[in-house]
Amino acid sequence: MTDADLDVVDQDDEQLDQGAGPADFDAFFAEESATRPREQFTLYGTTYTLPESLPLLFTLQMERVQDSSDPDDVRRMLATLYGGDVLDTWAEAGMTDRQLGVVLMYSAANIRKPGSITMQRAAELYAEQDAGKAAAPVNRAARRAKTKKKPGRSGARS
C-alpha cells in the first residue's frame, strides 16, 4: 500500500470512530440501484424491465440448468430475470428456441451495460454461437481424419 492508500484508510477509521455506525449495505445497494439505468423491452404485448445487474440466483441457476432438461429449472431461471411464469407465457405465444436464445443474449448484454446491444446484434451473435455449435463436430472429425496415419506407413525411417 502507498502512503496515499494508508491516508484513505486512516480517514475511514476516523469516520467509524466518530460514531458513523456499522456499514449498511442494504442502504448502500438500494441507493446505488436507484441510480443505475435499466433496459426495457416489449415482448408479446408485455413490457419487461431488466434488473440493474445480473442476479446471483440467475447465475447459480444457469450452472445447474445447462445440463438439465427439466422445464421447471428453466422456469425458475427465467423468473429471476423477467418475473412470473414467462416460460409458459412465451411458449403459448409461439416463441421458438432461437427467439428465446436471442432474448437471453439481448438481456444478458443489456443487464451488464444498458444500451450496449440491439435486438439485431443479439440475433447475429446468437446465430454465430449456434453456427459454432453445429460446426464443432465437423471440425473435430476433420482434425481426426488429418491425424490418422496413412496405411502402409509405420513412421519408421528406412
C-alpha atoms as a PDB file:
ATOM      1  CA  MET A   1       0.000   0.000   0.000  1.00  0.00           C
ATOM      2  CA  THR A   2       1.138   3.509  -0.693  1.00  0.00           C
ATOM      3  CA  ASP A   3       1.067   6.415   1.745  1.00  0.00           C
ATOM      4  CA  ALA A   4      -1.987   7.793  -0.078  1.00  0.00           C
ATOM      5  CA  ASP A   5      -3.807   4.455   0.396  1.00  0.00           C
ATOM      6  CA  LEU A   6      -2.988   4.487   4.092  1.00  0.00           C
ATOM      7  CA  ASP A   7      -4.319   8.059   4.401  1.00  0.00           C
ATOM      8  CA  VAL A   8      -7.662   6.945   2.935  1.00  0.00           C
ATOM      9  CA  VAL A   9      -7.817   4.005   5.350  1.00  0.00           C
ATOM     10  CA  ASP A  10      -6.999   6.336   8.257  1.00  0.00           C
ATOM     11  CA  GLN A  11      -9.813   8.708   7.191  1.00  0.00           C
ATOM     12  CA  ASP A  12     -12.257   5.785   7.013  1.00  0.00           C
ATOM     13  CA  ASP A  13     -11.166   4.678  10.505  1.00  0.00           C
ATOM     14  CA  GLU A  14     -11.725   8.215  11.830  1.00  0.00           C
ATOM     15  CA  GLN A  15     -15.260   8.263  10.395  1.00  0.00           C
ATOM     16  CA  LEU A  16     -16.065   4.958  12.135  1.00  0.00           C
ATOM     17  CA  ASP A  17     -14.605   6.305  15.393  1.00  0.00           C
ATOM     18  CA  GLN A  18     -16.879   9.369  15.137  1.00  0.00           C
ATOM     19  CA  GLY A  19     -19.982   7.202  15.531  1.00  0.00           C
ATOM     20  CA  ALA A  20     -20.865   6.574  11.899  1.00  0.00           C
ATOM     21  CA  GLY A  21     -22.053   3.109  12.976  1.00  0.00           C
ATOM     22  CA  PRO A  22     -21.732  -0.160  11.155  1.00  0.00           C
ATOM     23  CA  ALA A  23     -21.673  -0.273   7.383  1.00  0.00           C
ATOM     24  CA  ASP A  24     -25.211  -0.538   5.971  1.00  0.00           C
ATOM     25  CA  PHE A  25     -25.013  -2.427   2.679  1.00  0.00           C
ATOM     26  CA  ASP A  26     -28.817  -2.526   2.431  1.00  0.00           C
ATOM     27  CA  ALA A  27     -28.954   1.268   2.222  1.00  0.00           C
ATOM     28  CA  PHE A  28     -25.871   1.476   0.027  1.00  0.00           C
ATOM     29  CA  PHE A  29     -27.105  -1.071  -2.531  1.00  0.00           C
ATOM     30  CA  ALA A  30     -30.625   0.425  -2.571  1.00  0.00           C
ATOM     31  CA  GLU A  31     -29.210   3.884  -3.280  1.00  0.00           C
ATOM     32  CA  GLU A  32     -26.805   2.551  -5.880  1.00  0.00           C
ATOM     33  CA  SER A  33     -29.555   0.523  -7.567  1.00  0.00           C
ATOM     34  CA  ALA A  34     -31.841   3.542  -7.833  1.00  0.00           C
ATOM     35  CA  THR A  35     -29.266   5.436  -9.893  1.00  0.00           C
ATOM     36  CA  ARG A  36     -28.334   2.670 -12.346  1.00  0.00           C
ATOM     37  CA  PRO A  37     -30.087   2.677 -15.721  1.00  0.00           C
ATOM     38  CA  ARG A  38     -32.295  -0.292 -16.568  1.00  0.00           C
ATOM     39  CA  GLU A  39     -33.165  -1.531 -20.028  1.00  0.00           C
ATOM     40  CA  GLN A  40     -36.758  -2.299 -21.022  1.00  0.00           C
ATOM     41  CA  PHE A  41     -38.192  -4.309 -23.903  1.00  0.00           C
ATOM     42  CA  THR A  42     -41.636  -5.372 -25.067  1.00  0.00           C
ATOM     43  CA  LEU A  43     -42.433  -8.968 -25.956  1.00  0.00           C
ATOM     44  CA  TYR A  44     -45.877 -10.362 -26.765  1.00  0.00           C
ATOM     45  CA  GLY A  45     -47.510  -7.152 -25.559  1.00  0.00           C
ATOM     46  CA  THR A  46     -45.799  -7.071 -22.154  1.00  0.00           C
ATOM     47  CA  THR A  47     -43.049  -4.648 -21.177  1.00  0.00           C
ATOM     48  CA  TYR A  48     -40.213  -6.179 -19.183  1.00  0.00           C
ATOM     49  CA  THR A  49     -37.683  -4.198 -17.159  1.00  0.00           C
ATOM     50  CA  LEU A  50     -34.332  -5.891 -16.809  1.00  0.00           C
ATOM     51  CA  PRO A  51     -32.635  -5.878 -13.406  1.00  0.00           C
ATOM     52  CA  GLU A  52     -29.838  -3.366 -12.838  1.00  0.00           C
ATOM     53  CA  SER A  53     -27.333  -6.208 -12.572  1.00  0.00           C
ATOM     54  CA  LEU A  54     -27.317  -9.940 -13.156  1.00  0.00           C
ATOM     55  CA  PRO A  55     -28.897 -11.627 -10.102  1.00  0.00           C
ATOM     56  CA  LEU A  56     -26.675 -14.130  -8.326  1.00  0.00           C
ATOM     57  CA  LEU A  57     -29.592 -16.573  -8.275  1.00  0.00           C
ATOM     58  CA  PHE A  58     -29.727 -16.447 -12.092  1.00  0.00           C
ATOM     59  CA  THR A  59     -26.000 -17.156 -12.346  1.00  0.00           C
ATOM     60  CA  LEU A  60     -26.247 -20.098  -9.953  1.00  0.00           C
ATOM     61  CA  GLN A  61     -29.281 -21.487 -11.757  1.00  0.00           C
ATOM     62  CA  MET A  62     -27.516 -21.190 -15.126  1.00  0.00           C
ATOM     63  CA  GLU A  63     -24.834 -23.537 -13.823  1.00  0.00           C
ATOM     64  CA  ARG A  64     -27.439 -26.094 -12.796  1.00  0.00           C
ATOM     65  CA  VAL A  65     -29.744 -25.677 -15.805  1.00  0.00           C
ATOM     66  CA  GLN A  66     -27.131 -26.029 -18.532  1.00  0.00           C
ATOM     67  CA  ASP A  67     -27.235 -29.821 -18.242  1.00  0.00           C
ATOM     68  CA  SER A  68     -30.887 -30.101 -17.245  1.00  0.00           C
ATOM     69  CA  SER A  69     -33.824 -30.957 -19.457  1.00  0.00           C
ATOM     70  CA  ASP A  70     -36.386 -30.150 -16.748  1.00  0.00           C
ATOM     71  CA  PRO A  71     -38.672 -27.253 -17.830  1.00  0.00           C
ATOM     72  CA  ASP A  72     -39.123 -26.275 -14.170  1.00  0.00           C
ATOM     73  CA  ASP A  73     -35.404 -25.432 -13.974  1.00  0.00           C
ATOM     74  CA  VAL A  74     -35.761 -23.107 -16.951  1.00  0.00           C
ATOM     75  CA  ARG A  75     -38.942 -21.585 -15.462  1.00  0.00           C
ATOM     76  CA  ARG A  76     -37.158 -20.710 -12.210  1.00  0.00           C
ATOM     77  CA  MET A  77     -34.166 -19.264 -14.039  1.00  0.00           C
ATOM     78  CA  LEU A  78     -36.290 -17.049 -16.304  1.00  0.00           C
ATOM     79  CA  ALA A  79     -38.433 -15.878 -13.382  1.00  0.00           C
ATOM     80  CA  THR A  80     -35.361 -14.355 -11.712  1.00  0.00           C
ATOM     81  CA  LEU A  81     -34.873 -12.051 -14.717  1.00  0.00           C
ATOM     82  CA  TYR A  82     -38.373 -11.419 -16.022  1.00  0.00           C
ATOM     83  CA  GLY A  83     -40.686 -12.321 -13.135  1.00  0.00           C
ATOM     84  CA  GLY A  84     -43.700 -14.587 -13.118  1.00  0.00           C
ATOM     85  CA  ASP A  85     -44.077 -17.663 -15.262  1.00  0.00           C
ATOM     86  CA  VAL A  86     -42.763 -16.208 -18.521  1.00  0.00           C
ATOM     87  CA  LEU A  87     -41.659 -19.537 -19.978  1.00  0.00           C
ATOM     88  CA  ASP A  88     -45.252 -20.753 -20.301  1.00  0.00           C
ATOM     89  CA  THR A  89     -46.471 -17.331 -21.444  1.00  0.00           C
ATOM     90  CA  TRP A  90     -43.825 -17.110 -24.142  1.00  0.00           C
ATOM     91  CA  ALA A  91     -44.239 -20.744 -25.213  1.00  0.00           C
ATOM     92  CA  GLU A  92     -48.012 -20.306 -25.553  1.00  0.00           C
ATOM     93  CA  ALA A  93     -47.379 -17.217 -27.691  1.00  0.00           C
ATOM     94  CA  GLY A  94     -45.332 -19.373 -30.077  1.00  0.00           C
ATOM     95  CA  MET A  95     -41.772 -18.485 -29.088  1.00  0.00           C
ATOM     96  CA  THR A  96     -39.090 -20.648 -30.691  1.00  0.00           C
ATOM     97  CA  ASP A  97     -35.873 -21.812 -29.068  1.00  0.00           C
ATOM     98  CA  ARG A  98     -33.979 -19.409 -31.344  1.00  0.00           C
ATOM     99  CA  GLN A  99     -36.125 -16.487 -30.211  1.00  0.00           C
ATOM    100  CA  LEU A 100     -35.552 -17.415 -26.576  1.00  0.00           C
ATOM    101  CA  GLY A 101     -31.813 -17.505 -27.237  1.00  0.00           C
ATOM    102  CA  VAL A 102     -31.920 -14.049 -28.833  1.00  0.00           C
ATOM    103  CA  VAL A 103     -33.917 -12.615 -25.906  1.00  0.00           C
ATOM    104  CA  LEU A 104     -31.439 -14.107 -23.427  1.00  0.00           C
ATOM    105  CA  MET A 105     -28.455 -12.805 -25.401  1.00  0.00           C
ATOM    106  CA  TYR A 106     -30.015  -9.322 -25.576  1.00  0.00           C
ATOM    107  CA  SER A 107     -30.940  -9.377 -21.890  1.00  0.00           C
ATOM    108  CA  ALA A 108     -27.568 -10.544 -20.589  1.00  0.00           C
ATOM    109  CA  ALA A 109     -25.671  -7.876 -22.530  1.00  0.00           C
ATOM    110  CA  ASN A 110     -28.053  -5.078 -21.594  1.00  0.00           C
ATOM    111  CA  ILE A 111     -28.126  -6.020 -17.928  1.00  0.00           C
ATOM    112  CA  ARG A 112     -24.353  -5.698 -17.821  1.00  0.00           C
ATOM    113  CA  LYS A 113     -24.364  -2.440 -19.803  1.00  0.00           C
ATOM    114  CA  PRO A 114     -27.760  -0.955 -20.735  1.00  0.00           C
ATOM    115  CA  GLY A 115     -27.984   0.066 -24.387  1.00  0.00           C
ATOM    116  CA  SER A 116     -24.917  -1.957 -25.343  1.00  0.00           C
ATOM    117  CA  ILE A 117     -26.599  -4.272 -27.834  1.00  0.00           C
ATOM    118  CA  THR A 118     -29.517  -4.084 -30.236  1.00  0.00           C
ATOM    119  CA  MET A 119     -32.010  -6.845 -30.920  1.00  0.00           C
ATOM    120  CA  GLN A 120     -30.481  -7.259 -34.385  1.00  0.00           C
ATOM    121  CA  ARG A 121     -26.980  -7.638 -32.950  1.00  0.00           C
ATOM    122  CA  ALA A 122     -28.261 -10.129 -30.357  1.00  0.00           C
ATOM    123  CA  ALA A 123     -29.754 -12.177 -33.218  1.00  0.00           C
ATOM    124  CA  GLU A 124     -26.441 -12.066 -35.097  1.00  0.00           C
ATOM    125  CA  LEU A 125     -24.483 -13.147 -32.022  1.00  0.00           C
ATOM    126  CA  TYR A 126     -26.951 -15.948 -31.369  1.00  0.00           C
ATOM    127  CA  ALA A 127     -26.599 -17.134 -34.993  1.00  0.00           C
ATOM    128  CA  GLU A 128     -22.797 -17.067 -34.689  1.00  0.00           C
ATOM    129  CA  GLN A 129     -22.945 -19.037 -31.451  1.00  0.00           C
ATOM    130  CA  ASP A 130     -25.435 -21.500 -32.928  1.00  0.00           C
ATOM    131  CA  ALA A 131     -23.294 -21.965 -36.049  1.00  0.00           C
ATOM    132  CA  GLY A 132     -20.265 -22.609 -33.852  1.00  0.00           C
ATOM    133  CA  LYS A 133     -22.085 -25.410 -32.063  1.00  0.00           C
ATOM    134  CA  ALA A 134     -23.036 -27.035 -35.369  1.00  0.00           C
ATOM    135  CA  ALA A 135     -19.567 -26.652 -36.855  1.00  0.00           C
ATOM    136  CA  ALA A 136     -17.705 -28.188 -33.928  1.00  0.00           C
ATOM    137  CA  PRO A 137     -18.376 -31.866 -34.763  1.00  0.00           C
ATOM    138  CA  VAL A 138     -17.414 -31.326 -38.414  1.00  0.00           C
ATOM    139  CA  ASN A 139     -14.179 -29.625 -37.376  1.00  0.00           C
ATOM    140  CA  ARG A 140     -13.422 -32.338 -34.844  1.00  0.00           C
ATOM    141  CA  ALA A 141     -13.989 -35.033 -37.469  1.00  0.00           C
ATOM    142  CA  ALA A 142     -11.744 -33.187 -39.884  1.00  0.00           C
ATOM    143  CA  ARG A 143      -8.993 -32.957 -37.250  1.00  0.00           C
ATOM    144  CA  ARG A 144      -9.285 -36.672 -36.518  1.00  0.00           C
ATOM    145  CA  ALA A 145      -9.069 -37.529 -40.207  1.00  0.00           C
ATOM    146  CA  LYS A 146      -5.870 -35.484 -40.552  1.00  0.00           C
ATOM    147  CA  THR A 147      -4.195 -37.145 -37.583  1.00  0.00           C
ATOM    148  CA  LYS A 148      -4.825 -40.735 -38.715  1.00  0.00           C
ATOM    149  CA  LYS A 149      -1.762 -42.446 -40.177  1.00  0.00           C
ATOM    150  CA  LYS A 150      -1.879 -43.396 -43.796  1.00  0.00           C
ATOM    151  CA  PRO A 151      -1.998 -47.171 -44.492  1.00  0.00           C
ATOM    152  CA  GLY A 152       1.361 -48.828 -45.192  1.00  0.00           C
ATOM    153  CA  ARG A 153       3.436 -46.220 -43.371  1.00  0.00           C
ATOM    154  CA  SER A 154       4.812 -47.024 -39.979  1.00  0.00           C
ATOM    155  CA  GLY A 155       6.606 -43.752 -39.470  1.00  0.00           C
ATOM    156  CA  ALA A 156       9.996 -45.516 -39.173  1.00  0.00           C
ATOM    157  CA  ARG A 157      12.883 -44.369 -41.319  1.00  0.00           C
ATOM    158  CA  SER A 158      14.224 -46.738 -43.918  1.00  0.00           C
END
